[in-house]
Amino acid sequence: MAKLKTQFDKAVTESKSLPEKPDNNTLLKIYALYKQATSGDVEGKRPGFTDMVGRAKYDAWAGVTGQSKDEAMQAYVDLIESLK
């Protein structure tokens, strides 16, 4: 567990200095996995139609609902590694 947390923290740092900016779908996946790993399942109401960015983020996070925090951390680490 401690090893995975260390890898996750390193991946979070590395995500800020990727060689090129990922496309929007990949950015949403990074966001969703980060939120799932740090906060667990999505809560609250889905943002309204006028908040398109908030709505996209909510939908991405809702898409990983049910994943454990450890699974989300590992998926995040794997995704960031694939983007380097």
PDB file of N, CA and C in Angstrom:
ATOM      1  N   MET A   1       0.833  -1.208   0.000  1.00  0.00           N
ATOM      2  CA  MET A   1       0.000   0.000   0.000  1.00  0.00           C
ATOM      3  C   MET A   1       0.864   1.254   0.000  1.00  0.00           C
ATOM      4  N   ALA A   2       1.871   1.291   0.876  1.00  0.00           N
ATOM      5  CA  ALA A   2       2.728   2.478   0.952  1.00  0.00           C
ATOM      6  C   ALA A   2       3.499   2.665  -0.353  1.00  0.00           C
ATOM      7  N   LYS A   3       3.895   1.548  -0.974  1.00  0.00           N
ATOM      8  CA  LYS A   3       4.618   1.628  -2.246  1.00  0.00           C
ATOM      9  C   LYS A   3       3.715   2.218  -3.332  1.00  0.00           C
ATOM     10  N   LEU A   4       2.465   1.771  -3.371  1.00  0.00           N
ATOM     11  CA  LEU A   4       1.523   2.282  -4.373  1.00  0.00           C
ATOM     12  C   LEU A   4       1.276   3.775  -4.163  1.00  0.00           C
ATOM     13  N   LYS A   5       1.132   4.204  -2.913  1.00  0.00           N
ATOM     14  CA  LYS A   5       0.909   5.621  -2.605  1.00  0.00           C
ATOM     15  C   LYS A   5       2.108   6.447  -3.075  1.00  0.00           C
ATOM     16  N   THR A   6       3.309   5.928  -2.867  1.00  0.00           N
ATOM     17  CA  THR A   6       4.524   6.618  -3.306  1.00  0.00           C
ATOM     18  C   THR A   6       4.550   6.729  -4.831  1.00  0.00           C
ATOM     19  N   GLN A   7       4.212   5.630  -5.514  1.00  0.00           N
ATOM     20  CA  GLN A   7       4.169   5.647  -6.984  1.00  0.00           C
ATOM     21  C   GLN A   7       3.113   6.635  -7.470  1.00  0.00           C
ATOM     22  N   PHE A   8       1.973   6.656  -6.798  1.00  0.00           N
ATOM     23  CA  PHE A   8       0.879   7.558  -7.169  1.00  0.00           C
ATOM     24  C   PHE A   8       1.324   9.010  -7.015  1.00  0.00           C
ATOM     25  N   ASP A   9       1.929   9.340  -5.878  1.00  0.00           N
ATOM     26  CA  ASP A   9       2.394  10.710  -5.641  1.00  0.00           C
ATOM     27  C   ASP A   9       3.422  11.132  -6.690  1.00  0.00           C
ATOM     28  N   LYS A  10       4.305  10.205  -7.057  1.00  0.00           N
ATOM     29  CA  LYS A  10       5.304  10.485  -8.086  1.00  0.00           C
ATOM     30  C   LYS A  10       4.623  10.726  -9.427  1.00  0.00           C
ATOM     31  N   ALA A  11       3.615   9.912  -9.751  1.00  0.00           N
ATOM     32  CA  ALA A  11       2.894  10.057 -11.022  1.00  0.00           C
ATOM     33  C   ALA A  11       2.144  11.385 -11.078  1.00  0.00           C
ATOM     34  N   VAL A  12       1.589  11.812  -9.934  1.00  0.00           N
ATOM     35  CA  VAL A  12       0.896  13.102  -9.886  1.00  0.00           C
ATOM     36  C   VAL A  12       1.880  14.223 -10.231  1.00  0.00           C
ATOM     37  N   THR A  13       3.057  14.164  -9.660  1.00  0.00           N
ATOM     38  CA  THR A  13       4.087  15.163  -9.949  1.00  0.00           C
ATOM     39  C   THR A  13       4.486  15.103 -11.423  1.00  0.00           C
ATOM     40  N   GLU A  14       4.688  13.896 -11.931  1.00  0.00           N
ATOM     41  CA  GLU A  14       5.108  13.729 -13.326  1.00  0.00           C
ATOM     42  C   GLU A  14       4.018  14.167 -14.304  1.00  0.00           C
ATOM     43  N   SER A  15       2.771  14.078 -13.891  1.00  0.00           N
ATOM     44  CA  SER A  15       1.669  14.449 -14.793  1.00  0.00           C
ATOM     45  C   SER A  15       1.717  15.930 -15.153  1.00  0.00           C
ATOM     46  N   LYS A  16       2.374  16.711 -14.327  1.00  0.00           N
ATOM     47  CA  LYS A  16       2.463  18.152 -14.567  1.00  0.00           C
ATOM     48  C   LYS A  16       3.572  18.508 -15.555  1.00  0.00           C
ATOM     49  N   SER A  17       4.412  17.527 -15.912  1.00  0.00           N
ATOM     50  CA  SER A  17       5.514  17.810 -16.827  1.00  0.00           C
ATOM     51  C   SER A  17       5.623  16.741 -17.918  1.00  0.00           C
ATOM     52  N   LEU A  18       4.488  16.361 -18.475  1.00  0.00           N
ATOM     53  CA  LEU A  18       4.493  15.393 -19.567  1.00  0.00           C
ATOM     54  C   LEU A  18       5.100  16.046 -20.812  1.00  0.00           C
ATOM     55  N   PRO A  19       5.698  15.235 -21.696  1.00  0.00           N
ATOM     56  CA  PRO A  19       6.339  15.800 -22.885  1.00  0.00           C
ATOM     57  C   PRO A  19       5.375  16.592 -23.775  1.00  0.00           C
ATOM     58  N   GLU A  20       4.131  16.145 -23.863  1.00  0.00           N
ATOM     59  CA  GLU A  20       3.135  16.909 -24.610  1.00  0.00           C
ATOM     60  C   GLU A  20       1.797  16.815 -23.898  1.00  0.00           C
ATOM     61  N   LYS A  21       0.974  17.838 -24.111  1.00  0.00           N
ATOM     62  CA  LYS A  21      -0.318  17.887 -23.432  1.00  0.00           C
ATOM     63  C   LYS A  21      -1.240  16.800 -24.004  1.00  0.00           C
ATOM     64  N   PRO A  22      -1.821  15.967 -23.132  1.00  0.00           N
ATOM     65  CA  PRO A  22      -2.738  14.932 -23.611  1.00  0.00           C
ATOM     66  C   PRO A  22      -4.014  15.550 -24.186  1.00  0.00           C
ATOM     67  N   ASP A  23      -4.729  14.759 -24.995  1.00  0.00           N
ATOM     68  CA  ASP A  23      -5.990  15.232 -25.551  1.00  0.00           C
ATOM     69  C   ASP A  23      -7.037  15.323 -24.429  1.00  0.00           C
ATOM     70  N   ASN A  24      -8.155  15.954 -24.725  1.00  0.00           N
ATOM     71  CA  ASN A  24      -9.182  16.203 -23.699  1.00  0.00           C
ATOM     72  C   ASN A  24      -9.712  14.928 -23.057  1.00  0.00           C
ATOM     73  N   ASN A  25      -9.931  13.875 -23.842  1.00  0.00           N
ATOM     74  CA  ASN A  25     -10.442  12.624 -23.273  1.00  0.00           C
ATOM     75  C   ASN A  25      -9.445  12.027 -22.279  1.00  0.00           C
ATOM     76  N   THR A  26      -8.168  12.106 -22.610  1.00  0.00           N
ATOM     77  CA  THR A  26      -7.140  11.590 -21.704  1.00  0.00           C
ATOM     78  C   THR A  26      -7.057  12.457 -20.449  1.00  0.00           C
ATOM     79  N   LEU A  27      -7.170  13.773 -20.632  1.00  0.00           N
ATOM     80  CA  LEU A  27      -7.164  14.664 -19.460  1.00  0.00           C
ATOM     81  C   LEU A  27      -8.338  14.356 -18.534  1.00  0.00           C
ATOM     82  N   LEU A  28      -9.493  14.066 -19.105  1.00  0.00           N
ATOM     83  CA  LEU A  28     -10.657  13.713 -18.283  1.00  0.00           C
ATOM     84  C   LEU A  28     -10.420  12.396 -17.546  1.00  0.00           C
ATOM     85  N   LYS A  29      -9.780  11.445 -18.205  1.00  0.00           N
ATOM     86  CA  LYS A  29      -9.484  10.160 -17.557  1.00  0.00           C
ATOM     87  C   LYS A  29      -8.490  10.357 -16.408  1.00  0.00           C
ATOM     88  N   ILE A  30      -7.479  11.203 -16.634  1.00  0.00           N
ATOM     89  CA  ILE A  30      -6.504  11.513 -15.574  1.00  0.00           C
ATOM     90  C   ILE A  30      -7.244  12.135 -14.382  1.00  0.00           C
ATOM     91  N   TYR A  31      -8.105  13.098 -14.668  1.00  0.00           N
ATOM     92  CA  TYR A  31      -8.885  13.767 -13.619  1.00  0.00           C
ATOM     93  C   TYR A  31      -9.740  12.763 -12.855  1.00  0.00           C
ATOM     94  N   ALA A  32     -10.464  11.925 -13.596  1.00  0.00           N
ATOM     95  CA  ALA A  32     -11.383  10.972 -12.969  1.00  0.00           C
ATOM     96  C   ALA A  32     -10.637   9.990 -12.068  1.00  0.00           C
ATOM     97  N   LEU A  33      -9.523   9.467 -12.550  1.00  0.00           N
ATOM     98  CA  LEU A  33      -8.759   8.510 -11.749  1.00  0.00           C
ATOM     99  C   LEU A  33      -8.161   9.182 -10.517  1.00  0.00           C
ATOM    100  N   TYR A  34      -7.700  10.421 -10.676  1.00  0.00           N
ATOM    101  CA  TYR A  34      -7.155  11.157  -9.526  1.00  0.00           C
ATOM    102  C   TYR A  34      -8.234  11.355  -8.463  1.00  0.00           C
ATOM    103  N   LYS A  35      -9.402  11.821  -8.892  1.00  0.00           N
ATOM    104  CA  LYS A  35     -10.491  12.067  -7.939  1.00  0.00           C
ATOM    105  C   LYS A  35     -10.939  10.769  -7.277  1.00  0.00           C
ATOM    106  N   GLN A  36     -11.025   9.691  -8.037  1.00  0.00           N
ATOM    107  CA  GLN A  36     -11.439   8.403  -7.484  1.00  0.00           C
ATOM    108  C   GLN A  36     -10.412   7.913  -6.463  1.00  0.00           C
ATOM    109  N   ALA A  37      -9.130   8.092  -6.788  1.00  0.00           N
ATOM    110  CA  ALA A  37      -8.056   7.637  -5.905  1.00  0.00           C
ATOM    111  C   ALA A  37      -7.986   8.457  -4.622  1.00  0.00           C
ATOM    112  N   THR A  38      -8.315   9.750  -4.703  1.00  0.00           N
ATOM    113  CA  THR A  38      -8.166  10.612  -3.535  1.00  0.00           C
ATOM    114  C   THR A  38      -9.464  10.836  -2.769  1.00  0.00           C
ATOM    115  N   SER A  39     -10.603  10.766  -3.458  1.00  0.00           N
ATOM    116  CA  SER A  39     -11.882  11.090  -2.812  1.00  0.00           C
ATOM    117  C   SER A  39     -12.897   9.957  -2.818  1.00  0.00           C
ATOM    118  N   GLY A  40     -12.681   8.926  -3.624  1.00  0.00           N
ATOM    119  CA  GLY A  40     -13.661   7.851  -3.725  1.00  0.00           C
ATOM    120  C   GLY A  40     -14.739   8.196  -4.743  1.00  0.00           C
ATOM    121  N   ASP A  41     -15.866   7.514  -4.643  1.00  0.00           N
ATOM    122  CA  ASP A  41     -16.947   7.688  -5.613  1.00  0.00           C
ATOM    123  C   ASP A  41     -17.464   9.115  -5.649  1.00  0.00           C
ATOM    124  N   VAL A  42     -17.906   9.517  -6.848  1.00  0.00           N
ATOM    125  CA  VAL A  42     -18.440  10.857  -7.076  1.00  0.00           C
ATOM    126  C   VAL A  42     -19.678  11.079  -6.212  1.00  0.00           C
ATOM    127  N   GLU A  43     -19.824  12.292  -5.715  1.00  0.00           N
ATOM    128  CA  GLU A  43     -20.982  12.655  -4.901  1.00  0.00           C
ATOM    129  C   GLU A  43     -21.559  13.953  -5.436  1.00  0.00           C
ATOM    130  N   GLY A  44     -22.777  14.244  -5.026  1.00  0.00           N
ATOM    131  CA  GLY A  44     -23.399  15.501  -5.418  1.00  0.00           C
ATOM    132  C   GLY A  44     -24.147  15.370  -6.728  1.00  0.00           C
ATOM    133  N   LYS A  45     -24.741  16.483  -7.107  1.00  0.00           N
ATOM    134  CA  LYS A  45     -25.533  16.512  -8.326  1.00  0.00           C
ATOM    135  C   LYS A  45     -24.659  16.811  -9.530  1.00  0.00           C
ATOM    136  N   ARG A  46     -25.085  16.304 -10.663  1.00  0.00           N
ATOM    137  CA  ARG A  46     -24.405  16.575 -11.924  1.00  0.00           C
ATOM    138  C   ARG A  46     -24.601  18.050 -12.271  1.00  0.00           C
ATOM    139  N   PRO A  47     -23.528  18.743 -12.652  1.00  0.00           N
ATOM    140  CA  PRO A  47     -23.664  20.162 -13.013  1.00  0.00           C
ATOM    141  C   PRO A  47     -24.656  20.354 -14.155  1.00  0.00           C
ATOM    142  N   GLY A  48     -25.209  21.535 -14.214  1.00  0.00           N
ATOM    143  CA  GLY A  48     -26.201  21.858 -15.227  1.00  0.00           C
ATOM    144  C   GLY A  48     -25.625  21.943 -16.628  1.00  0.00           C
ATOM    145  N   PHE A  49     -26.508  22.041 -17.588  1.00  0.00           N
ATOM    146  CA  PHE A  49     -26.148  22.047 -19.003  1.00  0.00           C
ATOM    147  C   PHE A  49     -25.204  23.192 -19.358  1.00  0.00           C
ATOM    148  N   THR A  50     -25.299  24.307 -18.670  1.00  0.00           N
ATOM    149  CA  THR A  50     -24.465  25.468 -18.999  1.00  0.00           C
ATOM    150  C   THR A  50     -23.019  25.309 -18.517  1.00  0.00           C
ATOM    151  N   ASP A  51     -22.774  24.398 -17.582  1.00  0.00           N
ATOM    152  CA  ASP A  51     -21.418  24.146 -17.075  1.00  0.00           C
ATOM    153  C   ASP A  51     -20.855  22.916 -17.783  1.00  0.00           C
ATOM    154  N   MET A  52     -20.445  23.101 -19.030  1.00  0.00           N
ATOM    155  CA  MET A  52     -20.022  21.962 -19.842  1.00  0.00           C
ATOM    156  C   MET A  52     -18.746  21.298 -19.319  1.00  0.00           C
ATOM    157  N   VAL A  53     -17.801  22.096 -18.822  1.00  0.00           N
ATOM    158  CA  VAL A  53     -16.552  21.538 -18.301  1.00  0.00           C
ATOM    159  C   VAL A  53     -16.834  20.748 -17.024  1.00  0.00           C
ATOM    160  N   GLY A  54     -17.596  21.356 -16.113  1.00  0.00           N
ATOM    161  CA  GLY A  54     -17.953  20.672 -14.871  1.00  0.00           C
ATOM    162  C   GLY A  54     -18.731  19.392 -15.138  1.00  0.00           C
ATOM    163  N   ARG A  55     -19.582  19.454 -16.112  1.00  0.00           N
ATOM    164  CA  ARG A  55     -20.392  18.290 -16.478  1.00  0.00           C
ATOM    165  C   ARG A  55     -19.515  17.164 -17.037  1.00  0.00           C
ATOM    166  N   ALA A  56     -18.563  17.511 -17.890  1.00  0.00           N
ATOM    167  CA  ALA A  56     -17.651  16.521 -18.459  1.00  0.00           C
ATOM    168  C   ALA A  56     -16.798  15.877 -17.365  1.00  0.00           C
ATOM    169  N   LYS A  57     -16.313  16.700 -16.442  1.00  0.00           N
ATOM    170  CA  LYS A  57     -15.516  16.171 -15.334  1.00  0.00           C
ATOM    171  C   LYS A  57     -16.356  15.238 -14.457  1.00  0.00           C
ATOM    172  N   TYR A  58     -17.579  15.666 -14.155  1.00  0.00           N
ATOM    173  CA  TYR A  58     -18.481  14.853 -13.336  1.00  0.00           C
ATOM    174  C   TYR A  58     -18.729  13.505 -14.018  1.00  0.00           C
ATOM    175  N   ASP A  59     -19.038  13.552 -15.315  1.00  0.00           N
ATOM    176  CA  ASP A  59     -19.331  12.322 -16.054  1.00  0.00           C
ATOM    177  C   ASP A  59     -18.121  11.386 -16.092  1.00  0.00           C
ATOM    178  N   ALA A  60     -16.930  11.954 -16.271  1.00  0.00           N
ATOM    179  CA  ALA A  60     -15.715  11.136 -16.293  1.00  0.00           C
ATOM    180  C   ALA A  60     -15.498  10.466 -14.938  1.00  0.00           C
ATOM    181  N   TRP A  61     -15.675  11.241 -13.873  1.00  0.00           N
ATOM    182  CA  TRP A  61     -15.493  10.696 -12.526  1.00  0.00           C
ATOM    183  C   TRP A  61     -16.556   9.645 -12.236  1.00  0.00           C
ATOM    184  N   ALA A  62     -17.786   9.909 -12.625  1.00  0.00           N
ATOM    185  CA  ALA A  62     -18.868   8.940 -12.424  1.00  0.00           C
ATOM    186  C   ALA A  62     -18.585   7.644 -13.182  1.00  0.00           C
ATOM    187  N   GLY A  63     -17.828   7.745 -14.267  1.00  0.00           N
ATOM    188  CA  GLY A  63     -17.496   6.576 -15.072  1.00  0.00           C
ATOM    189  C   GLY A  63     -16.582   5.581 -14.377  1.00  0.00           C
ATOM    190  N   VAL A  64     -15.893   6.004 -13.344  1.00  0.00           N
ATOM    191  CA  VAL A  64     -15.010   5.089 -12.606  1.00  0.00           C
ATOM    192  C   VAL A  64     -15.579   4.760 -11.225  1.00  0.00           C
ATOM    193  N   THR A  65     -16.845   5.090 -11.008  1.00  0.00           N
ATOM    194  CA  THR A  65     -17.502   4.770  -9.743  1.00  0.00           C
ATOM    195  C   THR A  65     -17.417   3.269  -9.492  1.00  0.00           C
ATOM    196  N   GLY A  66     -17.107   2.919  -8.263  1.00  0.00           N
ATOM    197  CA  GLY A  66     -17.017   1.512  -7.891  1.00  0.00           C
ATOM    198  C   GLY A  66     -15.595   0.992  -7.841  1.00  0.00           C
ATOM    199  N   GLN A  67     -14.676   1.697  -8.495  1.00  0.00           N
ATOM    200  CA  GLN A  67     -13.268   1.308  -8.407  1.00  0.00           C
ATOM    201  C   GLN A  67     -12.767   1.626  -7.006  1.00  0.00           C
ATOM    202  N   SER A  68     -11.957   0.731  -6.460  1.00  0.00           N
ATOM    203  CA  SER A  68     -11.364   1.031  -5.155  1.00  0.00           C
ATOM    204  C   SER A  68     -10.307   2.115  -5.335  1.00  0.00           C
ATOM    205  N   LYS A  69      -9.952   2.749  -4.238  1.00  0.00           N
ATOM    206  CA  LYS A  69      -8.928   3.798  -4.306  1.00  0.00           C
ATOM    207  C   LYS A  69      -7.609   3.212  -4.808  1.00  0.00           C
ATOM    208  N   ASP A  70      -7.275   1.998  -4.374  1.00  0.00           N
ATOM    209  CA  ASP A  70      -6.031   1.364  -4.822  1.00  0.00           C
ATOM    210  C   ASP A  70      -6.068   1.070  -6.323  1.00  0.00           C
ATOM    211  N   GLU A  71      -7.204   0.583  -6.824  1.00  0.00           N
ATOM    212  CA  GLU A  71      -7.335   0.311  -8.260  1.00  0.00           C
ATOM    213  C   GLU A  71      -7.182   1.602  -9.062  1.00  0.00           C
ATOM    214  N   ALA A  72      -7.803   2.669  -8.569  1.00  0.00           N
ATOM    215  CA  ALA A  72      -7.722   3.952  -9.255  1.00  0.00           C
ATOM    216  C   ALA A  72      -6.293   4.493  -9.223  1.00  0.00           C
ATOM    217  N   MET A  73      -5.607   4.339  -8.097  1.00  0.00           N
ATOM    218  CA  MET A  73      -4.212   4.787  -8.009  1.00  0.00           C
ATOM    219  C   MET A  73      -3.357   4.045  -9.023  1.00  0.00           C
ATOM    220  N   GLN A  74      -3.533   2.719  -9.102  1.00  0.00           N
ATOM    221  CA  GLN A  74      -2.733   1.921 -10.030  1.00  0.00           C
ATOM    222  C   GLN A  74      -3.044   2.303 -11.474  1.00  0.00           C
ATOM    223  N   ALA A  75      -4.313   2.501 -11.795  1.00  0.00           N
ATOM    224  CA  ALA A  75      -4.698   2.894 -13.149  1.00  0.00           C
ATOM    225  C   ALA A  75      -4.116   4.263 -13.489  1.00  0.00           C
ATOM    226  N   TYR A  76      -4.101   5.173 -12.528  1.00  0.00           N
ATOM    227  CA  TYR A  76      -3.524   6.517 -12.724  1.00  0.00           C
ATOM    228  C   TYR A  76      -2.030   6.391 -13.023  1.00  0.00           C
ATOM    229  N   VAL A  77      -1.319   5.624 -12.200  1.00  0.00           N
ATOM    230  CA  VAL A  77       0.127   5.433 -12.385  1.00  0.00           C
ATOM    231  C   VAL A  77       0.385   4.853 -13.774  1.00  0.00           C
ATOM    232  N   ASP A  78      -0.386   3.821 -14.162  1.00  0.00           N
ATOM    233  CA  ASP A  78      -0.200   3.183 -15.457  1.00  0.00           C
ATOM    234  C   ASP A  78      -0.459   4.156 -16.603  1.00  0.00           C
ATOM    235  N   LEU A  79      -1.493   4.973 -16.472  1.00  0.00           N
ATOM    236  CA  LEU A  79      -1.837   5.935 -17.518  1.00  0.00           C
ATOM    237  C   LEU A  79      -0.732   6.976 -17.683  1.00  0.00           C
ATOM    238  N   ILE A  80      -0.252   7.529 -16.581  1.00  0.00           N
ATOM    239  CA  ILE A  80       0.811   8.540 -16.655  1.00  0.00           C
ATOM    240  C   ILE A  80       2.077   7.925 -17.251  1.00  0.00           C
ATOM    241  N   GLU A  81       2.393   6.694 -16.863  1.00  0.00           N
ATOM    242  CA  GLU A  81       3.575   6.010 -17.424  1.00  0.00           C
ATOM    243  C   GLU A  81       3.446   5.865 -18.940  1.00  0.00           C
ATOM    244  N   SER A  82       2.243   5.561 -19.406  1.00  0.00           N
ATOM    245  CA  SER A  82       2.031   5.371 -20.851  1.00  0.00           C
ATOM    246  C   SER A  82       2.147   6.682 -21.631  1.00  0.00           C
ATOM    247  N   LEU A  83       2.012   7.815 -20.946  1.00  0.00           N
ATOM    248  CA  LEU A  83       2.061   9.120 -21.610  1.00  0.00           C
ATOM    249  C   LEU A  83       3.465   9.728 -21.628  1.00  0.00           C
ATOM    250  N   LYS A  84       4.401   9.113 -20.913  1.00  0.00           N
ATOM    251  CA  LYS A  84       5.752   9.675 -20.838  1.00  0.00           C
ATOM    252  C   LYS A  84       6.560   9.328 -22.067  1.00  0.00           C
TER     253      LYS A  84
END
